[in-house]
Amino acid sequence: MIKDFKLKPEEISDIAVGYGGCIATDMITVHGKKVGYMYRDEPNNEMDSGWRFMWGKESQKYMDEPSNHTVYDVNTIANYTPDIKEFLDAPFGSAFERNSEGRLVEIED
C-alpha cells in the first residue's frame, strides 16, 4: 500500500539527526497528528533508537494492524512534531505524553 505522507521529502529538514530509527504510527505521518505519546524501549538492533511515537488515541485494533506503523528515522518524526526533540536523549524506559495544556511531560509508563 502506498502511503500519502503529510510532509513531502523536500519539507524534511535536519533538526534531530543521528538518533537512528524509530517506529511511528500513520496517525502522525499520514494524518498529520502531533506526537501525543512517546516511549523509549531497549533497541531491537544497532539502527534502532528504541523510540516509539504515537498520536496517543489509537485503538488497540489500530495498533494491532502492522500496516498502521512504519520504521522511520527519528529526524523525520521530529519534523512532524518538533517539540519531541528536547526529550530524545532520555534513557531507555522513559515515556512522555501530551498533557491538557498540550505540552509533552514525562510519565511513569
PDB file of N, CA and C in Angstrom:
ATOM      1  N   MET A   1       0.839  -1.183   0.000  1.00  0.00           N
ATOM      2  CA  MET A   1       0.000   0.000   0.000  1.00  0.00           C
ATOM      3  C   MET A   1       0.889   1.253   0.000  1.00  0.00           C
ATOM      4  N   ILE A   2       0.593   2.155  -0.897  1.00  0.00           N
ATOM      5  CA  ILE A   2       1.312   3.419  -0.982  1.00  0.00           C
ATOM      6  C   ILE A   2       0.693   4.398   0.027  1.00  0.00           C
ATOM      7  N   LYS A   3       1.537   4.998   0.844  1.00  0.00           N
ATOM      8  CA  LYS A   3       1.054   5.954   1.845  1.00  0.00           C
ATOM      9  C   LYS A   3       1.254   7.374   1.341  1.00  0.00           C
ATOM     10  N   ASP A   4       0.270   8.225   1.577  1.00  0.00           N
ATOM     11  CA  ASP A   4       0.341   9.631   1.202  1.00  0.00           C
ATOM     12  C   ASP A   4       0.747  10.422   2.446  1.00  0.00           C
ATOM     13  N   PHE A   5       2.054  10.639   2.588  1.00  0.00           N
ATOM     14  CA  PHE A   5       2.584  11.301   3.783  1.00  0.00           C
ATOM     15  C   PHE A   5       2.222  12.781   3.810  1.00  0.00           C
ATOM     16  N   LYS A   6       1.959  13.290   5.007  1.00  0.00           N
ATOM     17  CA  LYS A   6       1.596  14.691   5.204  1.00  0.00           C
ATOM     18  C   LYS A   6       2.743  15.610   4.788  1.00  0.00           C
ATOM     19  N   LEU A   7       3.980  15.245   5.131  1.00  0.00           N
ATOM     20  CA  LEU A   7       5.147  16.028   4.723  1.00  0.00           C
ATOM     21  C   LEU A   7       5.805  15.360   3.520  1.00  0.00           C
ATOM     22  N   LYS A   8       6.186  16.168   2.555  1.00  0.00           N
ATOM     23  CA  LYS A   8       6.912  15.679   1.383  1.00  0.00           C
ATOM     24  C   LYS A   8       8.405  15.656   1.713  1.00  0.00           C
ATOM     25  N   PRO A   9       9.190  14.826   1.009  1.00  0.00           N
ATOM     26  CA  PRO A   9      10.630  14.729   1.312  1.00  0.00           C
ATOM     27  C   PRO A   9      11.341  16.080   1.362  1.00  0.00           C
ATOM     28  N   GLU A  10      10.988  17.002   0.496  1.00  0.00           N
ATOM     29  CA  GLU A  10      11.651  18.307   0.479  1.00  0.00           C
ATOM     30  C   GLU A  10      11.269  19.189   1.669  1.00  0.00           C
ATOM     31  N   GLU A  11      10.246  18.777   2.429  1.00  0.00           N
ATOM     32  CA  GLU A  11       9.840  19.525   3.620  1.00  0.00           C
ATOM     33  C   GLU A  11      10.543  19.038   4.896  1.00  0.00           C
ATOM     34  N   ILE A  12      11.328  17.966   4.778  1.00  0.00           N
ATOM     35  CA  ILE A  12      12.045  17.402   5.927  1.00  0.00           C
ATOM     36  C   ILE A  12      13.410  18.076   6.036  1.00  0.00           C
ATOM     37  N   SER A  13      13.679  18.684   7.189  1.00  0.00           N
ATOM     38  CA  SER A  13      14.981  19.319   7.406  1.00  0.00           C
ATOM     39  C   SER A  13      15.724  18.597   8.528  1.00  0.00           C
ATOM     40  N   ASP A  14      16.989  18.917   8.675  1.00  0.00           N
ATOM     41  CA  ASP A  14      17.833  18.272   9.684  1.00  0.00           C
ATOM     42  C   ASP A  14      17.659  18.969  11.035  1.00  0.00           C
ATOM     43  N   ILE A  15      16.752  18.441  11.859  1.00  0.00           N
ATOM     44  CA  ILE A  15      16.548  19.039  13.178  1.00  0.00           C
ATOM     45  C   ILE A  15      16.856  18.072  14.325  1.00  0.00           C
ATOM     46  N   ALA A  16      16.920  16.779  14.023  1.00  0.00           N
ATOM     47  CA  ALA A  16      17.246  15.779  15.060  1.00  0.00           C
ATOM     48  C   ALA A  16      17.977  14.619  14.393  1.00  0.00           C
ATOM     49  N   VAL A  17      19.138  14.913  13.892  1.00  0.00           N
ATOM     50  CA  VAL A  17      19.925  13.952  13.115  1.00  0.00           C
ATOM     51  C   VAL A  17      20.783  13.082  14.026  1.00  0.00           C
ATOM     52  N   GLY A  18      20.955  11.823  13.640  1.00  0.00           N
ATOM     53  CA  GLY A  18      21.892  10.947  14.316  1.00  0.00           C
ATOM     54  C   GLY A  18      21.299  10.083  15.414  1.00  0.00           C
ATOM     55  N   TYR A  19      19.987  10.088  15.567  1.00  0.00           N
ATOM     56  CA  TYR A  19      19.359   9.289  16.614  1.00  0.00           C
ATOM     57  C   TYR A  19      19.047   7.862  16.165  1.00  0.00           C
ATOM     58  N   GLY A  20      18.976   7.640  14.864  1.00  0.00           N
ATOM     59  CA  GLY A  20      18.671   6.308  14.359  1.00  0.00           C
ATOM     60  C   GLY A  20      17.207   6.154  14.028  1.00  0.00           C
ATOM     61  N   GLY A  21      16.773   4.894  13.988  1.00  0.00           N
ATOM     62  CA  GLY A  21      15.410   4.585  13.587  1.00  0.00           C
ATOM     63  C   GLY A  21      14.435   4.589  14.753  1.00  0.00           C
ATOM     64  N   CYS A  22      13.161   4.616  14.398  1.00  0.00           N
ATOM     65  CA  CYS A  22      12.084   4.587  15.378  1.00  0.00           C
ATOM     66  C   CYS A  22      10.849   3.987  14.704  1.00  0.00           C
ATOM     67  N   ILE A  23       9.820   3.782  15.464  1.00  0.00           N
ATOM     68  CA  ILE A  23       8.539   3.333  14.912  1.00  0.00           C
ATOM     69  C   ILE A  23       7.515   4.427  15.206  1.00  0.00           C
ATOM     70  N   ALA A  24       6.720   4.768  14.207  1.00  0.00           N
ATOM     71  CA  ALA A  24       5.677   5.781  14.384  1.00  0.00           C
ATOM     72  C   ALA A  24       4.421   5.329  13.657  1.00  0.00           C
ATOM     73  N   THR A  25       3.285   5.779  14.156  1.00  0.00           N
ATOM     74  CA  THR A  25       2.012   5.407  13.536  1.00  0.00           C
ATOM     75  C   THR A  25       1.665   6.353  12.391  1.00  0.00           C
ATOM     76  N   ASP A  26       0.800   5.858  11.520  1.00  0.00           N
ATOM     77  CA  ASP A  26       0.308   6.654  10.404  1.00  0.00           C
ATOM     78  C   ASP A  26      -0.523   7.849  10.863  1.00  0.00           C
ATOM     79  N   MET A  27      -1.013   7.821  12.098  1.00  0.00           N
ATOM     80  CA  MET A  27      -1.764   8.973  12.590  1.00  0.00           C
ATOM     81  C   MET A  27      -0.871  10.214  12.564  1.00  0.00           C
ATOM     82  N   ILE A  28       0.431  10.014  12.748  1.00  0.00           N
ATOM     83  CA  ILE A  28       1.386  11.119  12.714  1.00  0.00           C
ATOM     84  C   ILE A  28       1.800  11.421  11.275  1.00  0.00           C
ATOM     85  N   THR A  29       2.323  10.429  10.589  1.00  0.00           N
ATOM     86  CA  THR A  29       2.957  10.665   9.288  1.00  0.00           C
ATOM     87  C   THR A  29       1.986  10.819   8.119  1.00  0.00           C
ATOM     88  N   VAL A  30       0.833  10.192   8.196  1.00  0.00           N
ATOM     89  CA  VAL A  30      -0.145  10.280   7.112  1.00  0.00           C
ATOM     90  C   VAL A  30      -1.245  11.289   7.452  1.00  0.00           C
ATOM     91  N   HIS A  31      -1.747  11.217   8.686  1.00  0.00           N
ATOM     92  CA  HIS A  31      -2.866  12.075   9.077  1.00  0.00           C
ATOM     93  C   HIS A  31      -2.431  13.405   9.690  1.00  0.00           C
ATOM     94  N   GLY A  32      -1.137  13.548   9.996  1.00  0.00           N
ATOM     95  CA  GLY A  32      -0.613  14.824  10.459  1.00  0.00           C
ATOM     96  C   GLY A  32      -0.898  15.175  11.907  1.00  0.00           C
ATOM     97  N   LYS A  33      -1.232  14.179  12.728  1.00  0.00           N
ATOM     98  CA  LYS A  33      -1.450  14.436  14.159  1.00  0.00           C
ATOM     99  C   LYS A  33      -0.102  14.629  14.843  1.00  0.00           C
ATOM    100  N   LYS A  34      -0.072  15.419  15.921  1.00  0.00           N
ATOM    101  CA  LYS A  34       1.150  15.581  16.712  1.00  0.00           C
ATOM    102  C   LYS A  34       1.403  14.322  17.533  1.00  0.00           C
ATOM    103  N   VAL A  35       2.685  14.070  17.818  1.00  0.00           N
ATOM    104  CA  VAL A  35       3.021  13.003  18.756  1.00  0.00           C
ATOM    105  C   VAL A  35       2.368  13.352  20.087  1.00  0.00           C
ATOM    106  N   GLY A  36       1.552  12.434  20.599  1.00  0.00           N
ATOM    107  CA  GLY A  36       0.884  12.650  21.876  1.00  0.00           C
ATOM    108  C   GLY A  36       1.364  11.694  22.948  1.00  0.00           C
ATOM    109  N   TYR A  37       2.073  10.645  22.506  1.00  0.00           N
ATOM    110  CA  TYR A  37       2.625   9.660  23.435  1.00  0.00           C
ATOM    111  C   TYR A  37       3.892   9.106  22.809  1.00  0.00           C
ATOM    112  N   MET A  38       4.942   9.063  23.574  1.00  0.00           N
ATOM    113  CA  MET A  38       6.221   8.522  23.089  1.00  0.00           C
ATOM    114  C   MET A  38       6.913   7.789  24.228  1.00  0.00           C
ATOM    115  N   TYR A  39       7.534   6.686  23.897  1.00  0.00           N
ATOM    116  CA  TYR A  39       8.297   5.951  24.903  1.00  0.00           C
ATOM    117  C   TYR A  39       9.534   5.359  24.256  1.00  0.00           C
ATOM    118  N   ARG A  40      10.506   5.030  25.105  1.00  0.00           N
ATOM    119  CA  ARG A  40      11.766   4.502  24.597  1.00  0.00           C
ATOM    120  C   ARG A  40      12.035   3.131  25.197  1.00  0.00           C
ATOM    121  N   ASP A  41      12.040   2.143  24.328  1.00  0.00           N
ATOM    122  CA  ASP A  41      12.369   0.761  24.674  1.00  0.00           C
ATOM    123  C   ASP A  41      13.854   0.510  24.460  1.00  0.00           C
ATOM    124  N   GLU A  42      14.290  -0.636  24.924  1.00  0.00           N
ATOM    125  CA  GLU A  42      15.627  -1.094  24.547  1.00  0.00           C
ATOM    126  C   GLU A  42      15.599  -1.324  23.027  1.00  0.00           C
ATOM    127  N   PRO A  43      16.640  -0.901  22.314  1.00  0.00           N
ATOM    128  CA  PRO A  43      16.657  -1.069  20.860  1.00  0.00           C
ATOM    129  C   PRO A  43      16.606  -2.531  20.424  1.00  0.00           C
ATOM    130  N   ASN A  44      15.988  -2.764  19.265  1.00  0.00           N
ATOM    131  CA  ASN A  44      15.919  -4.108  18.677  1.00  0.00           C
ATOM    132  C   ASN A  44      17.175  -4.462  17.902  1.00  0.00           C
ATOM    133  N   ASN A  45      17.910  -3.436  17.444  1.00  0.00           N
ATOM    134  CA  ASN A  45      19.142  -3.655  16.684  1.00  0.00           C
ATOM    135  C   ASN A  45      19.972  -2.368  16.742  1.00  0.00           C
ATOM    136  N   GLU A  46      21.127  -2.363  16.092  1.00  0.00           N
ATOM    137  CA  GLU A  46      22.026  -1.209  16.196  1.00  0.00           C
ATOM    138  C   GLU A  46      21.500   0.038  15.498  1.00  0.00           C
ATOM    139  N   MET A  47      20.536  -0.102  14.609  1.00  0.00           N
ATOM    140  CA  MET A  47      19.952   1.047  13.910  1.00  0.00           C
ATOM    141  C   MET A  47      18.781   1.658  14.683  1.00  0.00           C
ATOM    142  N   ASP A  48      18.254   0.921  15.642  1.00  0.00           N
ATOM    143  CA  ASP A  48      17.048   1.302  16.377  1.00  0.00           C
ATOM    144  C   ASP A  48      17.390   2.212  17.551  1.00  0.00           C
ATOM    145  N   SER A  49      16.714   3.348  17.633  1.00  0.00           N
ATOM    146  CA  SER A  49      16.905   4.263  18.768  1.00  0.00           C
ATOM    147  C   SER A  49      16.137   3.792  20.000  1.00  0.00           C
ATOM    148  N   GLY A  50      15.145   2.922  19.777  1.00  0.00           N
ATOM    149  CA  GLY A  50      14.269   2.497  20.859  1.00  0.00           C
ATOM    150  C   GLY A  50      13.003   3.340  20.953  1.00  0.00           C
ATOM    151  N   TRP A  51      12.948   4.471  20.242  1.00  0.00           N
ATOM    152  CA  TRP A  51      11.789   5.366  20.326  1.00  0.00           C
ATOM    153  C   TRP A  51      10.590   4.823  19.560  1.00  0.00           C
ATOM    154  N   ARG A  52       9.410   4.992  20.189  1.00  0.00           N
ATOM    155  CA  ARG A  52       8.114   4.628  19.601  1.00  0.00           C
ATOM    156  C   ARG A  52       7.224   5.856  19.747  1.00  0.00           C
ATOM    157  N   PHE A  53       6.631   6.291  18.638  1.00  0.00           N
ATOM    158  CA  PHE A  53       5.836   7.520  18.632  1.00  0.00           C
ATOM    159  C   PHE A  53       4.412   7.248  18.174  1.00  0.00           C
ATOM    160  N   MET A  54       3.454   7.757  18.942  1.00  0.00           N
ATOM    161  CA  MET A  54       2.044   7.602  18.621  1.00  0.00           C
ATOM    162  C   MET A  54       1.311   8.922  18.822  1.00  0.00           C
ATOM    163  N   TRP A  55       0.157   9.033  18.213  1.00  0.00           N
ATOM    164  CA  TRP A  55      -0.727  10.163  18.460  1.00  0.00           C
ATOM    165  C   TRP A  55      -1.240  10.069  19.894  1.00  0.00           C
ATOM    166  N   GLY A  56      -1.479   8.853  20.346  1.00  0.00           N
ATOM    167  CA  GLY A  56      -1.911   8.633  21.717  1.00  0.00           C
ATOM    168  C   GLY A  56      -3.369   8.247  21.849  1.00  0.00           C
ATOM    169  N   LYS A  57      -4.111   8.326  20.743  1.00  0.00           N
ATOM    170  CA  LYS A  57      -5.534   7.970  20.778  1.00  0.00           C
ATOM    171  C   LYS A  57      -5.850   6.813  19.834  1.00  0.00           C
ATOM    172  N   GLU A  58      -4.803   6.103  19.410  1.00  0.00           N
ATOM    173  CA  GLU A  58      -5.010   4.939  18.552  1.00  0.00           C
ATOM    174  C   GLU A  58      -5.671   3.821  19.352  1.00  0.00           C
ATOM    175  N   SER A  59      -6.586   3.123  18.744  1.00  0.00           N
ATOM    176  CA  SER A  59      -7.243   1.987  19.403  1.00  0.00           C
ATOM    177  C   SER A  59      -6.311   0.772  19.375  1.00  0.00           C
ATOM    178  N   GLN A  60      -6.618  -0.210  20.198  1.00  0.00           N
ATOM    179  CA  GLN A  60      -5.832  -1.444  20.181  1.00  0.00           C
ATOM    180  C   GLN A  60      -5.946  -2.120  18.816  1.00  0.00           C
ATOM    181  N   LYS A  61      -7.131  -2.082  18.228  1.00  0.00           N
ATOM    182  CA  LYS A  61      -7.341  -2.674  16.899  1.00  0.00           C
ATOM    183  C   LYS A  61      -6.438  -1.989  15.873  1.00  0.00           C
ATOM    184  N   TYR A  62      -6.351  -0.676  15.943  1.00  0.00           N
ATOM    185  CA  TYR A  62      -5.480   0.085  15.052  1.00  0.00           C
ATOM    186  C   TYR A  62      -4.022  -0.329  15.249  1.00  0.00           C
ATOM    187  N   MET A  63      -3.587  -0.407  16.498  1.00  0.00           N
ATOM    188  CA  MET A  63      -2.202  -0.761  16.796  1.00  0.00           C
ATOM    189  C   MET A  63      -1.866  -2.198  16.402  1.00  0.00           C
ATOM    190  N   ASP A  64      -2.863  -3.075  16.433  1.00  0.00           N
ATOM    191  CA  ASP A  64      -2.646  -4.474  16.070  1.00  0.00           C
ATOM    192  C   ASP A  64      -2.455  -4.675  14.567  1.00  0.00           C
ATOM    193  N   GLU A  65      -2.791  -3.673  13.772  1.00  0.00           N
ATOM    194  CA  GLU A  65      -2.647  -3.761  12.317  1.00  0.00           C
ATOM    195  C   GLU A  65      -1.253  -3.267  11.914  1.00  0.00           C
ATOM    196  N   PRO A  66      -0.361  -4.186  11.488  1.00  0.00           N
ATOM    197  CA  PRO A  66       1.027  -3.808  11.186  1.00  0.00           C
ATOM    198  C   PRO A  66       1.167  -2.699  10.139  1.00  0.00           C
ATOM    199  N   SER A  67       0.231  -2.589   9.223  1.00  0.00           N
ATOM    200  CA  SER A  67       0.359  -1.567   8.170  1.00  0.00           C
ATOM    201  C   SER A  67       0.134  -0.149   8.697  1.00  0.00           C
ATOM    202  N   ASN A  68      -0.308  -0.009   9.950  1.00  0.00           N
ATOM    203  CA  ASN A  68      -0.566   1.314  10.520  1.00  0.00           C
ATOM    204  C   ASN A  68       0.653   1.953  11.171  1.00  0.00           C
ATOM    205  N   HIS A  69       1.791   1.253  11.200  1.00  0.00           N
ATOM    206  CA  HIS A  69       3.017   1.841  11.733  1.00  0.00           C
ATOM    207  C   HIS A  69       4.200   1.384  10.906  1.00  0.00           C
ATOM    208  N   THR A  70       5.201   2.257  10.852  1.00  0.00           N
ATOM    209  CA  THR A  70       6.343   2.034   9.973  1.00  0.00           C
ATOM    210  C   THR A  70       7.611   2.499  10.687  1.00  0.00           C
ATOM    211  N   VAL A  71       8.748   1.991  10.235  1.00  0.00           N
ATOM    212  CA  VAL A  71      10.047   2.421  10.739  1.00  0.00           C
ATOM    213  C   VAL A  71      10.462   3.694   9.990  1.00  0.00           C
ATOM    214  N   TYR A  72      10.888   4.690  10.741  1.00  0.00           N
ATOM    215  CA  TYR A  72      11.348   5.970  10.194  1.00  0.00           C
ATOM    216  C   TYR A  72      12.639   6.368  10.883  1.00  0.00           C
ATOM    217  N   ASP A  73      13.332   7.336  10.322  1.00  0.00           N
ATOM    218  CA  ASP A  73      14.418   7.994  11.028  1.00  0.00           C
ATOM    219  C   ASP A  73      13.782   8.930  12.052  1.00  0.00           C
ATOM    220  N   VAL A  74      14.339   9.004  13.240  1.00  0.00           N
ATOM    221  CA  VAL A  74      13.807   9.888  14.278  1.00  0.00           C
ATOM    222  C   VAL A  74      13.695  11.325  13.754  1.00  0.00           C
ATOM    223  N   ASN A  75      14.639  11.757  12.940  1.00  0.00           N
ATOM    224  CA  ASN A  75      14.597  13.102  12.377  1.00  0.00           C
ATOM    225  C   ASN A  75      13.292  13.361  11.623  1.00  0.00           C
ATOM    226  N   THR A  76      12.794  12.363  10.916  1.00  0.00           N
ATOM    227  CA  THR A  76      11.544  12.520  10.171  1.00  0.00           C
ATOM    228  C   THR A  76      10.397  12.838  11.122  1.00  0.00           C
ATOM    229  N   ILE A  77      10.298  12.096  12.218  1.00  0.00           N
ATOM    230  CA  ILE A  77       9.199  12.311  13.163  1.00  0.00           C
ATOM    231  C   ILE A  77       9.369  13.657  13.875  1.00  0.00           C
ATOM    232  N   ALA A  78      10.598  14.064  14.133  1.00  0.00           N
ATOM    233  CA  ALA A  78      10.840  15.375  14.743  1.00  0.00           C
ATOM    234  C   ALA A  78      10.366  16.498  13.824  1.00  0.00           C
ATOM    235  N   ASN A  79      10.364  16.280  12.537  1.00  0.00           N
ATOM    236  CA  ASN A  79       9.842  17.280  11.613  1.00  0.00           C
ATOM    237  C   ASN A  79       8.320  17.376  11.699  1.00  0.00           C
ATOM    238  N   TYR A  80       7.666  16.302  12.020  1.00  0.00           N
ATOM    239  CA  TYR A  80       6.210  16.316  12.201  1.00  0.00           C
ATOM    240  C   TYR A  80       5.823  16.964  13.529  1.00  0.00           C
ATOM    241  N   THR A  81       6.634  16.727  14.556  1.00  0.00           N
ATOM    242  CA  THR A  81       6.348  17.246  15.901  1.00  0.00           C
ATOM    243  C   THR A  81       7.663  17.696  16.532  1.00  0.00           C
ATOM    244  N   PRO A  82       8.095  18.921  16.227  1.00  0.00           N
ATOM    245  CA  PRO A  82       9.416  19.385  16.673  1.00  0.00           C
ATOM    246  C   PRO A  82       9.642  19.383  18.180  1.00  0.00           C
ATOM    247  N   ASP A  83       8.583  19.486  18.989  1.00  0.00           N
ATOM    248  CA  ASP A  83       8.814  19.561  20.436  1.00  0.00           C
ATOM    249  C   ASP A  83       9.254  18.234  21.058  1.00  0.00           C
ATOM    250  N   ILE A  84       9.316  17.155  20.271  1.00  0.00           N
ATOM    251  CA  ILE A  84       9.862  15.898  20.814  1.00  0.00           C
ATOM    252  C   ILE A  84      11.371  15.985  20.985  1.00  0.00           C
ATOM    253  N   LYS A  85      11.999  16.891  20.246  1.00  0.00           N
ATOM    254  CA  LYS A  85      13.462  16.953  20.196  1.00  0.00           C
ATOM    255  C   LYS A  85      14.104  17.053  21.581  1.00  0.00           C
ATOM    256  N   GLU A  86      13.506  17.832  22.467  1.00  0.00           N
ATOM    257  CA  GLU A  86      14.116  18.034  23.785  1.00  0.00           C
ATOM    258  C   GLU A  86      14.144  16.770  24.640  1.00  0.00           C
ATOM    259  N   PHE A  87      13.410  15.735  24.260  1.00  0.00           N
ATOM    260  CA  PHE A  87      13.334  14.511  25.048  1.00  0.00           C
ATOM    261  C   PHE A  87      14.110  13.338  24.452  1.00  0.00           C
ATOM    262  N   LEU A  88      14.696  13.517  23.285  1.00  0.00           N
ATOM    263  CA  LEU A  88      15.287  12.401  22.554  1.00  0.00           C
ATOM    264  C   LEU A  88      16.499  11.760  23.218  1.00  0.00           C
ATOM    265  N   ASP A  89      17.117  12.450  24.168  1.00  0.00           N
ATOM    266  CA  ASP A  89      18.257  11.871  24.880  1.00  0.00           C
ATOM    267  C   ASP A  89      17.837  11.178  26.179  1.00  0.00           C
ATOM    268  N   ALA A  90      16.542  11.074  26.417  1.00  0.00           N
ATOM    269  CA  ALA A  90      16.043  10.410  27.632  1.00  0.00           C
ATOM    270  C   ALA A  90      16.454   8.938  27.619  1.00  0.00           C
ATOM    271  N   PRO A  91      16.680   8.365  28.791  1.00  0.00           N
ATOM    272  CA  PRO A  91      17.131   6.966  28.859  1.00  0.00           C
ATOM    273  C   PRO A  91      16.042   5.971  28.462  1.00  0.00           C
ATOM    274  N   PHE A  92      16.480   4.755  28.154  1.00  0.00           N
ATOM    275  CA  PHE A  92      15.544   3.676  27.864  1.00  0.00           C
ATOM    276  C   PHE A  92      14.596   3.519  29.050  1.00  0.00           C
ATOM    277  N   GLY A  93      13.332   3.271  28.764  1.00  0.00           N
ATOM    278  CA  GLY A  93      12.332   3.143  29.812  1.00  0.00           C
ATOM    279  C   GLY A  93      11.558   4.437  30.040  1.00  0.00           C
ATOM    280  N   SER A  94      12.000   5.529  29.419  1.00  0.00           N
ATOM    281  CA  SER A  94      11.301   6.809  29.559  1.00  0.00           C
ATOM    282  C   SER A  94      10.022   6.822  28.728  1.00  0.00           C
ATOM    283  N   ALA A  95       9.027   7.577  29.202  1.00  0.00           N
ATOM    284  CA  ALA A  95       7.764   7.747  28.479  1.00  0.00           C
ATOM    285  C   ALA A  95       7.251   9.161  28.707  1.00  0.00           C
ATOM    286  N   PHE A  96       6.616   9.708  27.689  1.00  0.00           N
ATOM    287  CA  PHE A  96       6.101  11.070  27.728  1.00  0.00           C
ATOM    288  C   PHE A  96       4.727  11.096  27.069  1.00  0.00           C
ATOM    289  N   GLU A  97       3.844  11.957  27.598  1.00  0.00           N
ATOM    290  CA  GLU A  97       2.553  12.148  26.937  1.00  0.00           C
ATOM    291  C   GLU A  97       2.187  13.622  26.987  1.00  0.00           C
ATOM    292  N   ARG A  98       1.300  14.006  26.081  1.00  0.00           N
ATOM    293  CA  ARG A  98       0.876  15.395  25.995  1.00  0.00           C
ATOM    294  C   ARG A  98      -0.176  15.654  27.071  1.00  0.00           C
ATOM    295  N   ASN A  99       0.051  16.689  27.875  1.00  0.00           N
ATOM    296  CA  ASN A  99      -0.882  16.993  28.968  1.00  0.00           C
ATOM    297  C   ASN A  99      -2.033  17.872  28.462  1.00  0.00           C
ATOM    298  N   SER A 100      -2.920  18.274  29.364  1.00  0.00           N
ATOM    299  CA  SER A 100      -4.099  19.052  28.993  1.00  0.00           C
ATOM    300  C   SER A 100      -3.748  20.436  28.432  1.00  0.00           C
ATOM    301  N   GLU A 101      -2.528  20.896  28.718  1.00  0.00           N
ATOM    302  CA  GLU A 101      -2.065  22.173  28.162  1.00  0.00           C
ATOM    303  C   GLU A 101      -1.347  21.991  26.829  1.00  0.00           C
ATOM    304  N   GLY A 102      -1.271  20.744  26.355  1.00  0.00           N
ATOM    305  CA  GLY A 102      -0.649  20.483  25.064  1.00  0.00           C
ATOM    306  C   GLY A 102       0.856  20.303  25.092  1.00  0.00           C
ATOM    307  N   ARG A 103       1.441  20.208  26.298  1.00  0.00           N
ATOM    308  CA  ARG A 103       2.883  20.023  26.419  1.00  0.00           C
ATOM    309  C   ARG A 103       3.215  18.568  26.713  1.00  0.00           C
ATOM    310  N   LEU A 104       4.329  18.092  26.166  1.00  0.00           N
ATOM    311  CA  LEU A 104       4.793  16.744  26.474  1.00  0.00           C
ATOM    312  C   LEU A 104       5.428  16.758  27.869  1.00  0.00           C
ATOM    313  N   VAL A 105       5.019  15.828  28.711  1.00  0.00           N
ATOM    314  CA  VAL A 105       5.560  15.709  30.053  1.00  0.00           C
ATOM    315  C   VAL A 105       5.908  14.247  30.333  1.00  0.00           C
ATOM    316  N   GLU A 106       6.925  14.050  31.150  1.00  0.00           N
ATOM    317  CA  GLU A 106       7.330  12.680  31.487  1.00  0.00           C
ATOM    318  C   GLU A 106       6.276  12.026  32.380  1.00  0.00           C
ATOM    319  N   ILE A 107       6.035  10.754  32.110  1.00  0.00           N
ATOM    320  CA  ILE A 107       5.075   9.984  32.899  1.00  0.00           C
ATOM    321  C   ILE A 107       5.709   8.677  33.347  1.00  0.00           C
ATOM    322  N   GLU A 108       5.108   8.047  34.339  1.00  0.00           N
ATOM    323  CA  GLU A 108       5.502   6.688  34.721  1.00  0.00           C
ATOM    324  C   GLU A 108       4.761   5.763  33.775  1.00  0.00           C
ATOM    325  N   ASP A 109       5.498   4.982  33.005  1.00  0.00           N
ATOM    326  CA  ASP A 109       4.876   4.122  31.983  1.00  0.00           C
ATOM    327  C   ASP A 109       4.209   2.925  32.618  1.00  0.00           C
TER     328      ASP A 109
END
